[in-house]
N, C-alpha and C. Protein backbone atom coordinates (compact mmCIF):
# COMPACT_ATOMS: atom_id res chain seq x y z
N MET A 1 194.45 196.34 68.94
CA MET A 1 194.44 196.07 67.51
C MET A 1 195.81 196.41 66.95
N LYS A 2 196.30 195.52 66.09
CA LYS A 2 197.57 195.76 65.41
C LYS A 2 197.33 195.64 63.91
N ILE A 3 197.97 196.50 63.16
CA ILE A 3 197.90 196.48 61.70
C ILE A 3 199.13 195.73 61.19
N ILE A 4 198.93 194.77 60.31
CA ILE A 4 200.04 194.03 59.71
C ILE A 4 200.07 194.40 58.23
N ILE A 5 201.19 194.97 57.82
CA ILE A 5 201.34 195.50 56.46
C ILE A 5 202.40 194.70 55.72
N TYR A 6 202.07 194.25 54.52
CA TYR A 6 203.03 193.61 53.62
C TYR A 6 203.22 194.56 52.46
N GLY A 7 204.45 195.05 52.29
CA GLY A 7 204.72 196.03 51.25
C GLY A 7 206.10 195.87 50.66
N LYS A 8 206.54 196.91 49.95
CA LYS A 8 207.87 196.89 49.33
C LYS A 8 208.45 198.30 49.35
N ASP A 9 209.73 198.39 49.09
CA ASP A 9 210.41 199.68 49.01
C ASP A 9 209.90 200.48 47.82
N ASN A 10 209.95 201.80 47.94
CA ASN A 10 209.56 202.72 46.87
C ASN A 10 208.11 202.53 46.43
N CYS A 11 207.24 202.21 47.37
CA CYS A 11 205.81 202.02 47.11
C CYS A 11 205.07 203.15 47.81
N ILE A 12 204.45 204.01 47.04
CA ILE A 12 203.77 205.18 47.61
C ILE A 12 202.66 204.78 48.58
N ASN A 13 201.82 203.82 48.17
CA ASN A 13 200.73 203.41 49.06
C ASN A 13 201.22 202.67 50.30
N CYS A 14 202.35 201.99 50.19
CA CYS A 14 202.95 201.35 51.37
C CYS A 14 203.40 202.43 52.36
N ASP A 15 204.05 203.46 51.84
CA ASP A 15 204.49 204.57 52.69
C ASP A 15 203.30 205.31 53.30
N LYS A 16 202.23 205.51 52.51
CA LYS A 16 201.04 206.18 53.02
C LYS A 16 200.38 205.36 54.13
N THR A 17 200.41 204.05 53.99
CA THR A 17 199.83 203.17 55.02
C THR A 17 200.59 203.29 56.32
N LYS A 18 201.92 203.27 56.24
CA LYS A 18 202.72 203.42 57.47
C LYS A 18 202.47 204.79 58.09
N LEU A 19 202.40 205.83 57.28
CA LEU A 19 202.16 207.18 57.78
C LEU A 19 200.78 207.28 58.45
N LEU A 20 199.77 206.69 57.84
CA LEU A 20 198.43 206.68 58.42
C LEU A 20 198.46 206.03 59.81
N CYS A 21 199.14 204.92 59.93
CA CYS A 21 199.25 204.24 61.23
C CYS A 21 199.98 205.13 62.24
N GLN A 22 201.03 205.76 61.81
CA GLN A 22 201.79 206.64 62.71
C GLN A 22 200.95 207.83 63.14
N MET A 23 200.23 208.45 62.20
CA MET A 23 199.41 209.62 62.52
C MET A 23 198.27 209.29 63.47
N GLN A 24 197.76 208.07 63.39
CA GLN A 24 196.66 207.67 64.26
C GLN A 24 197.15 206.87 65.47
N SER A 25 198.47 206.85 65.67
CA SER A 25 199.08 206.14 66.80
C SER A 25 198.63 204.68 66.87
N LEU A 26 198.59 204.03 65.72
CA LEU A 26 198.21 202.63 65.65
C LEU A 26 199.45 201.75 65.65
N ASP A 27 199.39 200.67 66.39
CA ASP A 27 200.47 199.70 66.43
C ASP A 27 200.49 198.95 65.10
N TYR A 28 201.65 198.85 64.48
CA TYR A 28 201.72 198.12 63.21
C TYR A 28 203.03 197.38 63.07
N GLN A 29 203.00 196.33 62.25
CA GLN A 29 204.18 195.58 61.84
C GLN A 29 204.29 195.72 60.33
N TYR A 30 205.51 195.92 59.86
CA TYR A 30 205.73 196.05 58.42
C TYR A 30 206.63 194.92 57.96
N HIS A 31 206.21 194.21 56.93
CA HIS A 31 207.00 193.12 56.37
C HIS A 31 207.28 193.43 54.91
N THR A 32 208.52 193.32 54.50
CA THR A 32 208.91 193.61 53.12
C THR A 32 208.78 192.36 52.27
N VAL A 33 207.95 192.45 51.23
CA VAL A 33 207.76 191.34 50.31
C VAL A 33 209.04 191.16 49.51
N GLY A 34 209.51 189.94 49.46
CA GLY A 34 210.75 189.63 48.76
C GLY A 34 211.91 189.37 49.70
N SER A 35 211.85 189.94 50.91
CA SER A 35 212.91 189.64 51.88
C SER A 35 212.34 189.04 53.16
N ASP A 36 211.26 189.60 53.71
CA ASP A 36 210.65 189.05 54.92
C ASP A 36 209.67 187.93 54.60
N ILE A 37 209.04 188.01 53.44
CA ILE A 37 208.05 187.03 53.00
C ILE A 37 208.11 186.97 51.48
N SER A 38 207.96 185.77 50.93
CA SER A 38 207.95 185.64 49.46
C SER A 38 206.56 185.99 48.94
N ILE A 39 206.49 186.32 47.68
CA ILE A 39 205.20 186.65 47.07
C ILE A 39 204.27 185.44 47.12
N GLU A 40 204.84 184.24 46.97
CA GLU A 40 204.03 183.03 47.04
C GLU A 40 203.45 182.83 48.44
N GLN A 41 204.24 183.09 49.47
CA GLN A 41 203.74 182.99 50.84
C GLN A 41 202.63 184.02 51.09
N LEU A 42 202.80 185.21 50.53
CA LEU A 42 201.78 186.24 50.68
C LEU A 42 200.49 185.83 49.97
N TRP A 43 200.61 185.24 48.78
CA TRP A 43 199.43 184.76 48.06
C TRP A 43 198.67 183.76 48.92
N ASN A 44 199.40 182.84 49.56
CA ASN A 44 198.76 181.84 50.42
C ASN A 44 198.07 182.50 51.61
N LYS A 45 198.71 183.50 52.17
CA LYS A 45 198.15 184.20 53.33
C LYS A 45 196.88 184.97 52.94
N VAL A 46 196.91 185.63 51.78
CA VAL A 46 195.76 186.41 51.31
C VAL A 46 194.66 185.49 50.77
N GLY A 47 195.06 184.36 50.17
CA GLY A 47 194.09 183.44 49.61
C GLY A 47 193.80 183.68 48.15
N GLN A 48 194.60 184.52 47.52
CA GLN A 48 194.44 184.81 46.09
C GLN A 48 195.73 185.44 45.57
N THR A 49 195.83 185.56 44.26
CA THR A 49 196.99 186.20 43.66
C THR A 49 197.00 187.68 44.05
N VAL A 50 198.17 188.14 44.45
CA VAL A 50 198.34 189.54 44.84
C VAL A 50 198.89 190.31 43.65
N ARG A 51 198.19 191.38 43.27
CA ARG A 51 198.62 192.17 42.12
C ARG A 51 199.10 193.56 42.51
N SER A 52 198.90 193.93 43.78
CA SER A 52 199.34 195.25 44.22
C SER A 52 199.70 195.20 45.70
N LEU A 53 200.45 196.18 46.10
CA LEU A 53 200.86 196.31 47.50
C LEU A 53 200.51 197.71 47.95
N PRO A 54 200.25 197.89 49.22
CA PRO A 54 200.39 196.94 50.31
C PRO A 54 199.20 196.00 50.40
N GLN A 55 199.41 194.90 51.11
CA GLN A 55 198.35 193.98 51.51
C GLN A 55 198.30 194.08 53.03
N ILE A 56 197.11 194.30 53.57
CA ILE A 56 196.98 194.67 54.97
C ILE A 56 196.02 193.74 55.70
N PHE A 57 196.39 193.40 56.93
CA PHE A 57 195.57 192.60 57.82
C PHE A 57 195.38 193.38 59.12
N LEU A 58 194.23 193.20 59.76
CA LEU A 58 193.99 193.71 61.11
C LEU A 58 194.06 192.54 62.06
N ASP A 59 194.90 192.65 63.08
CA ASP A 59 195.01 191.61 64.10
C ASP A 59 194.29 192.10 65.35
N ARG A 60 193.18 191.44 65.64
CA ARG A 60 192.40 191.77 66.84
C ARG A 60 192.46 190.56 67.76
N ASN A 61 193.22 190.71 68.83
CA ASN A 61 193.32 189.64 69.83
C ASN A 61 193.78 188.32 69.23
N GLY A 62 194.78 188.37 68.36
CA GLY A 62 195.35 187.16 67.79
C GLY A 62 194.64 186.60 66.58
N SER A 63 193.58 187.22 66.15
CA SER A 63 192.84 186.78 64.97
C SER A 63 193.03 187.80 63.85
N ALA A 64 193.78 187.43 62.81
CA ALA A 64 194.09 188.34 61.72
C ALA A 64 193.01 188.29 60.66
N GLU A 65 192.49 189.46 60.31
CA GLU A 65 191.44 189.60 59.30
C GLU A 65 192.01 190.36 58.10
N TYR A 66 191.84 189.80 56.91
CA TYR A 66 192.34 190.45 55.70
C TYR A 66 191.51 191.69 55.40
N VAL A 67 192.19 192.81 55.14
CA VAL A 67 191.53 194.07 54.85
C VAL A 67 191.61 194.40 53.37
N GLY A 68 192.79 194.32 52.78
CA GLY A 68 193.01 194.69 51.39
C GLY A 68 194.17 195.66 51.30
N GLY A 69 193.97 196.78 50.58
CA GLY A 69 195.02 197.77 50.38
C GLY A 69 194.81 199.01 51.24
N TYR A 70 195.52 200.07 50.87
CA TYR A 70 195.50 201.32 51.63
C TYR A 70 194.08 201.90 51.76
N ASP A 71 193.37 202.04 50.65
CA ASP A 71 192.02 202.61 50.70
C ASP A 71 191.09 201.75 51.55
N ASP A 72 191.25 200.43 51.46
CA ASP A 72 190.44 199.52 52.27
C ASP A 72 190.72 199.71 53.76
N LEU A 73 191.98 199.94 54.11
CA LEU A 73 192.32 200.19 55.51
C LEU A 73 191.68 201.48 55.99
N ARG A 74 191.74 202.54 55.18
CA ARG A 74 191.12 203.81 55.57
C ARG A 74 189.63 203.62 55.85
N LEU A 75 188.96 202.88 54.98
CA LEU A 75 187.53 202.60 55.18
C LEU A 75 187.29 201.79 56.44
N ALA A 76 188.11 200.78 56.66
CA ALA A 76 187.96 199.93 57.85
C ALA A 76 188.16 200.75 59.13
N LEU A 77 189.13 201.65 59.11
CA LEU A 77 189.40 202.46 60.29
C LEU A 77 188.29 203.47 60.53
N SER A 78 187.75 204.04 59.48
CA SER A 78 186.66 205.01 59.67
C SER A 78 185.42 204.30 60.20
N GLY A 79 185.19 203.06 59.78
CA GLY A 79 184.06 202.30 60.30
C GLY A 79 184.28 201.87 61.73
N ALA A 80 185.53 201.60 62.08
CA ALA A 80 185.85 201.17 63.45
C ALA A 80 185.69 202.33 64.43
N ARG A 81 185.84 203.55 63.94
CA ARG A 81 185.79 204.71 64.82
C ARG A 81 184.41 205.36 64.82
N ALA A 82 183.54 204.91 63.93
CA ALA A 82 182.21 205.53 63.83
C ALA A 82 181.31 205.13 64.99
């Protein structure tokens, strides 16, 4: 499983998401909105207007599933480990 994070600089929840992945030894990719991907491209990927960052996907065997934000990732990970 790989975590795909779309975030921006100086974003507390983006930093917390990366730290969570590091603390749990989870493989992750980080993409900066505005330089690696445009906000419009992210909207298309998420399927709706994005109003906050980070936006997170779980990639399981090549199939990316939209999770949501930092709190949603924490919930998804706790359910995956239960």
